[in-house]
Amino acid sequence: MYKFILVIPILFSLFCSSTYADELNQAKIDALDELMTLTEAETNFRVAISTGTTTQLRTILKAKKPNISEKTMEIIEGVVVRVFEEEIIENGAFRNAMYLVYHKHFELQEVRQLIEIYKTPLGQKVIRVMPLVMREGIQIGQTLGAALGPTLDERIRAKLKKEKIDPIL
């Protein structure tokens, strides 16, 4: 019985240990800092927060309080953006989280190769254009998804009716 109890933590540590090919040491952190600076990761995050979060917030607040003034919206949005800036960017939380994401998916040598790619003219174009491509792709996805609304509503109602469940929509 005692042997079994001793084996459990050993097996757990083997199965739950990281599967990273290398360690997150200072050399890798330095390379990741260079990569994130080159790719303007923090700037892109700021833009995503500014536009994405405030757009969602505006939609939610307008739905709850249709008569909310533009001045009130601007104040709320300003506070939200500033809090994100202070709590996520300025205190290093974003970079620290991104270290782990990149570390999970890339070895140090691969990070160095990415840096070399992003230093090329094509790499610079990718950095400049990719946020626009992503934004346009998201907009396309939202438009296509919204167009499915009536179809989804119809099919959900039909399925619920077939199962003799009152539609909740």
C-alpha atoms as a PDB file:
ATOM      1  CA  MET A   1       0.000   0.000   0.000  1.00  0.00           C
ATOM      2  CA  TYR A   2       2.762   2.450   0.950  1.00  0.00           C
ATOM      3  CA  LYS A   3       4.670   1.642  -2.242  1.00  0.00           C
ATOM      4  CA  PHE A   4       1.562   2.516  -4.255  1.00  0.00           C
ATOM      5  CA  ILE A   5       1.203   5.843  -2.443  1.00  0.00           C
ATOM      6  CA  LEU A   6       4.851   6.662  -3.227  1.00  0.00           C
ATOM      7  CA  VAL A   7       4.433   5.744  -6.899  1.00  0.00           C
ATOM      8  CA  ILE A   8       1.474   8.102  -7.466  1.00  0.00           C
ATOM      9  CA  PRO A   9       3.441  11.378  -7.082  1.00  0.00           C
ATOM     10  CA  ILE A  10       6.244  10.018  -9.284  1.00  0.00           C
ATOM     11  CA  LEU A  11       3.816   9.012 -12.045  1.00  0.00           C
ATOM     12  CA  PHE A  12       1.947  12.297 -11.696  1.00  0.00           C
ATOM     13  CA  SER A  13       5.145  14.313 -12.083  1.00  0.00           C
ATOM     14  CA  LEU A  14       6.145  12.296 -15.150  1.00  0.00           C
ATOM     15  CA  PHE A  15       2.807  12.744 -16.887  1.00  0.00           C
ATOM     16  CA  CYS A  16       2.307  16.368 -15.884  1.00  0.00           C
ATOM     17  CA  SER A  17       5.816  17.616 -16.471  1.00  0.00           C
ATOM     18  CA  SER A  18       6.244  20.138 -19.204  1.00  0.00           C
ATOM     19  CA  THR A  19       6.782  18.895 -22.696  1.00  0.00           C
ATOM     20  CA  TYR A  20       8.984  21.801 -23.663  1.00  0.00           C
ATOM     21  CA  ALA A  21      12.011  20.953 -25.748  1.00  0.00           C
ATOM     22  CA  ASP A  22      14.193  23.515 -24.020  1.00  0.00           C
ATOM     23  CA  GLU A  23      14.098  25.573 -20.873  1.00  0.00           C
ATOM     24  CA  LEU A  24      12.843  29.098 -20.468  1.00  0.00           C
ATOM     25  CA  ASN A  25      16.186  30.649 -19.582  1.00  0.00           C
ATOM     26  CA  GLN A  26      17.454  34.214 -19.912  1.00  0.00           C
ATOM     27  CA  ALA A  27      18.724  33.635 -23.463  1.00  0.00           C
ATOM     28  CA  LYS A  28      15.264  32.538 -24.565  1.00  0.00           C
ATOM     29  CA  ILE A  29      13.579  35.397 -22.708  1.00  0.00           C
ATOM     30  CA  ASP A  30      15.947  37.872 -24.402  1.00  0.00           C
ATOM     31  CA  ALA A  31      15.174  36.348 -27.800  1.00  0.00           C
ATOM     32  CA  LEU A  32      11.437  36.456 -27.082  1.00  0.00           C
ATOM     33  CA  ASP A  33      11.741  40.107 -26.041  1.00  0.00           C
ATOM     34  CA  GLU A  34      13.411  40.871 -29.350  1.00  0.00           C
ATOM     35  CA  LEU A  35      10.748  38.922 -31.245  1.00  0.00           C
ATOM     36  CA  MET A  36       7.887  40.662 -29.445  1.00  0.00           C
ATOM     37  CA  THR A  37       9.497  44.057 -30.021  1.00  0.00           C
ATOM     38  CA  LEU A  38      10.001  43.304 -33.719  1.00  0.00           C
ATOM     39  CA  THR A  39       6.430  42.095 -34.158  1.00  0.00           C
ATOM     40  CA  GLU A  40       5.025  44.956 -32.088  1.00  0.00           C
ATOM     41  CA  ALA A  41       3.138  42.454 -29.953  1.00  0.00           C
ATOM     42  CA  GLU A  42       2.249  44.934 -27.210  1.00  0.00           C
ATOM     43  CA  THR A  43       1.061  47.553 -29.692  1.00  0.00           C
ATOM     44  CA  ASN A  44      -1.125  45.001 -31.448  1.00  0.00           C
ATOM     45  CA  PHE A  45      -2.497  43.865 -28.083  1.00  0.00           C
ATOM     46  CA  ARG A  46      -3.274  47.488 -27.170  1.00  0.00           C
ATOM     47  CA  VAL A  47      -5.140  47.974 -30.456  1.00  0.00           C
ATOM     48  CA  ALA A  48      -7.073  44.727 -29.975  1.00  0.00           C
ATOM     49  CA  ILE A  49      -8.057  45.744 -26.443  1.00  0.00           C
ATOM     50  CA  SER A  50      -8.935  49.288 -27.456  1.00  0.00           C
ATOM     51  CA  THR A  51     -11.127  48.264 -30.352  1.00  0.00           C
ATOM     52  CA  GLY A  52     -12.398  44.818 -29.357  1.00  0.00           C
ATOM     53  CA  THR A  53     -13.123  45.362 -25.687  1.00  0.00           C
ATOM     54  CA  THR A  54     -14.563  48.830 -26.064  1.00  0.00           C
ATOM     55  CA  THR A  55     -16.758  47.744 -28.983  1.00  0.00           C
ATOM     56  CA  GLN A  56     -18.164  44.865 -26.933  1.00  0.00           C
ATOM     57  CA  LEU A  57     -18.557  47.099 -23.901  1.00  0.00           C
ATOM     58  CA  ARG A  58     -20.349  49.738 -25.980  1.00  0.00           C
ATOM     59  CA  THR A  59     -22.753  47.107 -27.348  1.00  0.00           C
ATOM     60  CA  ILE A  60     -23.517  45.719 -23.888  1.00  0.00           C
ATOM     61  CA  LEU A  61     -23.983  49.134 -22.278  1.00  0.00           C
ATOM     62  CA  LYS A  62     -26.174  50.427 -25.119  1.00  0.00           C
ATOM     63  CA  ALA A  63     -28.361  47.314 -24.815  1.00  0.00           C
ATOM     64  CA  LYS A  64     -28.750  47.795 -21.060  1.00  0.00           C
ATOM     65  CA  LYS A  65     -28.983  51.585 -21.144  1.00  0.00           C
ATOM     66  CA  PRO A  66     -30.008  52.803 -24.619  1.00  0.00           C
ATOM     67  CA  ASN A  67     -29.942  56.456 -23.552  1.00  0.00           C
ATOM     68  CA  ILE A  68     -26.369  56.399 -22.253  1.00  0.00           C
ATOM     69  CA  SER A  69     -24.609  59.580 -23.342  1.00  0.00           C
ATOM     70  CA  GLU A  70     -21.610  59.598 -25.652  1.00  0.00           C
ATOM     71  CA  LYS A  71     -19.634  61.461 -22.976  1.00  0.00           C
ATOM     72  CA  THR A  72     -20.360  58.668 -20.466  1.00  0.00           C
ATOM     73  CA  MET A  73     -19.323  56.049 -23.019  1.00  0.00           C
ATOM     74  CA  GLU A  74     -16.049  57.875 -23.705  1.00  0.00           C
ATOM     75  CA  ILE A  75     -15.264  58.097 -19.981  1.00  0.00           C
ATOM     76  CA  ILE A  76     -16.014  54.397 -19.418  1.00  0.00           C
ATOM     77  CA  GLU A  77     -14.000  53.353 -22.468  1.00  0.00           C
ATOM     78  CA  GLY A  78     -11.089  55.556 -21.382  1.00  0.00           C
ATOM     79  CA  VAL A  79     -11.045  53.967 -17.931  1.00  0.00           C
ATOM     80  CA  VAL A  80     -11.245  50.453 -19.360  1.00  0.00           C
ATOM     81  CA  VAL A  81      -8.374  51.044 -21.782  1.00  0.00           C
ATOM     82  CA  ARG A  82      -6.254  52.689 -19.058  1.00  0.00           C
ATOM     83  CA  VAL A  83      -6.840  49.835 -16.581  1.00  0.00           C
ATOM     84  CA  PHE A  84      -5.900  47.257 -19.219  1.00  0.00           C
ATOM     85  CA  GLU A  85      -2.815  49.310 -20.013  1.00  0.00           C
ATOM     86  CA  GLU A  86      -1.744  49.531 -16.357  1.00  0.00           C
ATOM     87  CA  GLU A  87      -2.658  46.039 -15.263  1.00  0.00           C
ATOM     88  CA  ILE A  88      -1.603  44.056 -18.319  1.00  0.00           C
ATOM     89  CA  ILE A  89       1.026  45.978 -20.284  1.00  0.00           C
ATOM     90  CA  GLU A  90       2.851  48.215 -17.842  1.00  0.00           C
ATOM     91  CA  ASN A  91       3.259  45.607 -15.108  1.00  0.00           C
ATOM     92  CA  GLY A  92       4.645  43.047 -17.566  1.00  0.00           C
ATOM     93  CA  ALA A  93       1.746  40.577 -17.282  1.00  0.00           C
ATOM     94  CA  PHE A  94       1.283  40.472 -21.061  1.00  0.00           C
ATOM     95  CA  ARG A  95       4.956  39.763 -21.799  1.00  0.00           C
ATOM     96  CA  ASN A  96       5.204  37.190 -19.008  1.00  0.00           C
ATOM     97  CA  ALA A  97       2.157  35.353 -20.329  1.00  0.00           C
ATOM     98  CA  MET A  98       3.469  35.524 -23.885  1.00  0.00           C
ATOM     99  CA  TYR A  99       6.839  34.109 -22.805  1.00  0.00           C
ATOM    100  CA  LEU A 100       5.000  30.974 -21.735  1.00  0.00           C
ATOM    101  CA  VAL A 101       2.928  30.796 -24.926  1.00  0.00           C
ATOM    102  CA  TYR A 102       5.958  31.149 -27.189  1.00  0.00           C
ATOM    103  CA  HIS A 103       7.994  28.817 -24.965  1.00  0.00           C
ATOM    104  CA  LYS A 104       5.306  26.162 -25.303  1.00  0.00           C
ATOM    105  CA  HIS A 105       5.368  26.285 -29.101  1.00  0.00           C
ATOM    106  CA  PHE A 106       8.894  27.318 -30.095  1.00  0.00           C
ATOM    107  CA  GLU A 107      12.403  26.287 -29.202  1.00  0.00           C
ATOM    108  CA  LEU A 108      15.085  28.961 -28.787  1.00  0.00           C
ATOM    109  CA  GLN A 109      16.565  28.225 -32.206  1.00  0.00           C
ATOM    110  CA  GLU A 110      13.153  28.610 -33.819  1.00  0.00           C
ATOM    111  CA  VAL A 111      12.618  31.946 -32.065  1.00  0.00           C
ATOM    112  CA  ARG A 112      15.968  33.101 -33.431  1.00  0.00           C
ATOM    113  CA  GLN A 113      14.911  31.990 -36.925  1.00  0.00           C
ATOM    114  CA  LEU A 114      11.661  33.925 -36.589  1.00  0.00           C
ATOM    115  CA  ILE A 115      13.634  37.006 -35.626  1.00  0.00           C
ATOM    116  CA  GLU A 116      15.733  36.661 -38.769  1.00  0.00           C
ATOM    117  CA  ILE A 117      12.599  36.230 -40.896  1.00  0.00           C
ATOM    118  CA  TYR A 118      10.936  39.293 -39.375  1.00  0.00           C
ATOM    119  CA  LYS A 119      14.028  41.391 -40.092  1.00  0.00           C
ATOM    120  CA  THR A 120      13.652  40.781 -43.841  1.00  0.00           C
ATOM    121  CA  PRO A 121      11.514  43.062 -46.046  1.00  0.00           C
ATOM    122  CA  LEU A 122       8.863  40.344 -46.322  1.00  0.00           C
ATOM    123  CA  GLY A 123       8.940  39.825 -42.565  1.00  0.00           C
ATOM    124  CA  GLN A 124       8.450  43.552 -42.031  1.00  0.00           C
ATOM    125  CA  LYS A 125       5.496  43.485 -44.402  1.00  0.00           C
ATOM    126  CA  VAL A 126       3.990  40.541 -42.530  1.00  0.00           C
ATOM    127  CA  ILE A 127       4.308  42.503 -39.275  1.00  0.00           C
ATOM    128  CA  ARG A 128       2.677  45.549 -40.859  1.00  0.00           C
ATOM    129  CA  VAL A 129      -0.096  43.774 -42.784  1.00  0.00           C
ATOM    130  CA  MET A 130      -1.022  40.735 -40.680  1.00  0.00           C
ATOM    131  CA  PRO A 131      -3.015  42.674 -38.050  1.00  0.00           C
ATOM    132  CA  LEU A 132      -5.103  44.133 -40.879  1.00  0.00           C
ATOM    133  CA  VAL A 133      -5.595  40.691 -42.422  1.00  0.00           C
ATOM    134  CA  MET A 134      -6.632  39.283 -39.049  1.00  0.00           C
ATOM    135  CA  ARG A 135      -9.017  42.180 -38.373  1.00  0.00           C
ATOM    136  CA  GLU A 136     -10.622  41.798 -41.801  1.00  0.00           C
ATOM    137  CA  GLY A 137     -10.853  38.027 -41.304  1.00  0.00           C
ATOM    138  CA  ILE A 138     -12.597  38.519 -37.973  1.00  0.00           C
ATOM    139  CA  GLN A 139     -15.042  40.974 -39.554  1.00  0.00           C
ATOM    140  CA  ILE A 140     -15.764  38.485 -42.344  1.00  0.00           C
ATOM    141  CA  GLY A 141     -16.323  35.742 -39.764  1.00  0.00           C
ATOM    142  CA  GLN A 142     -18.696  37.964 -37.786  1.00  0.00           C
ATOM    143  CA  THR A 143     -20.640  38.891 -40.927  1.00  0.00           C
ATOM    144  CA  LEU A 144     -20.880  35.289 -42.080  1.00  0.00           C
ATOM    145  CA  GLY A 145     -21.830  34.169 -38.572  1.00  0.00           C
ATOM    146  CA  ALA A 146     -24.516  36.833 -38.267  1.00  0.00           C
ATOM    147  CA  ALA A 147     -25.964  35.731 -41.593  1.00  0.00           C
ATOM    148  CA  LEU A 148     -26.432  32.258 -40.099  1.00  0.00           C
ATOM    149  CA  GLY A 149     -28.643  33.635 -37.306  1.00  0.00           C
ATOM    150  CA  PRO A 150     -31.998  32.918 -38.956  1.00  0.00           C
ATOM    151  CA  THR A 151     -30.893  29.443 -40.092  1.00  0.00           C
ATOM    152  CA  LEU A 152     -29.607  28.600 -36.618  1.00  0.00           C
ATOM    153  CA  ASP A 153     -32.799  29.891 -35.005  1.00  0.00           C
ATOM    154  CA  GLU A 154     -34.960  27.836 -37.366  1.00  0.00           C
ATOM    155  CA  ARG A 155     -32.994  24.628 -36.874  1.00  0.00           C
ATOM    156  CA  ILE A 156     -32.716  24.987 -33.102  1.00  0.00           C
ATOM    157  CA  ARG A 157     -36.451  25.607 -32.797  1.00  0.00           C
ATOM    158  CA  ALA A 158     -37.201  22.595 -35.031  1.00  0.00           C
ATOM    159  CA  LYS A 159     -34.890  20.324 -33.024  1.00  0.00           C
ATOM    160  CA  LEU A 160     -36.321  21.475 -29.692  1.00  0.00           C
ATOM    161  CA  LYS A 161     -39.866  21.030 -31.013  1.00  0.00           C
ATOM    162  CA  LYS A 162     -39.024  17.504 -32.228  1.00  0.00           C
ATOM    163  CA  GLU A 163     -37.695  16.700 -28.739  1.00  0.00           C
ATOM    164  CA  LYS A 164     -40.863  18.252 -27.223  1.00  0.00           C
ATOM    165  CA  ILE A 165     -38.829  20.923 -25.440  1.00  0.00           C
ATOM    166  CA  ASP A 166     -40.151  24.470 -25.170  1.00  0.00           C
ATOM    167  CA  PRO A 167     -37.985  26.804 -27.202  1.00  0.00           C
ATOM    168  CA  ILE A 168     -35.966  29.092 -24.975  1.00  0.00           C
ATOM    169  CA  LEU A 169     -35.161  31.526 -27.754  1.00  0.00           C
END
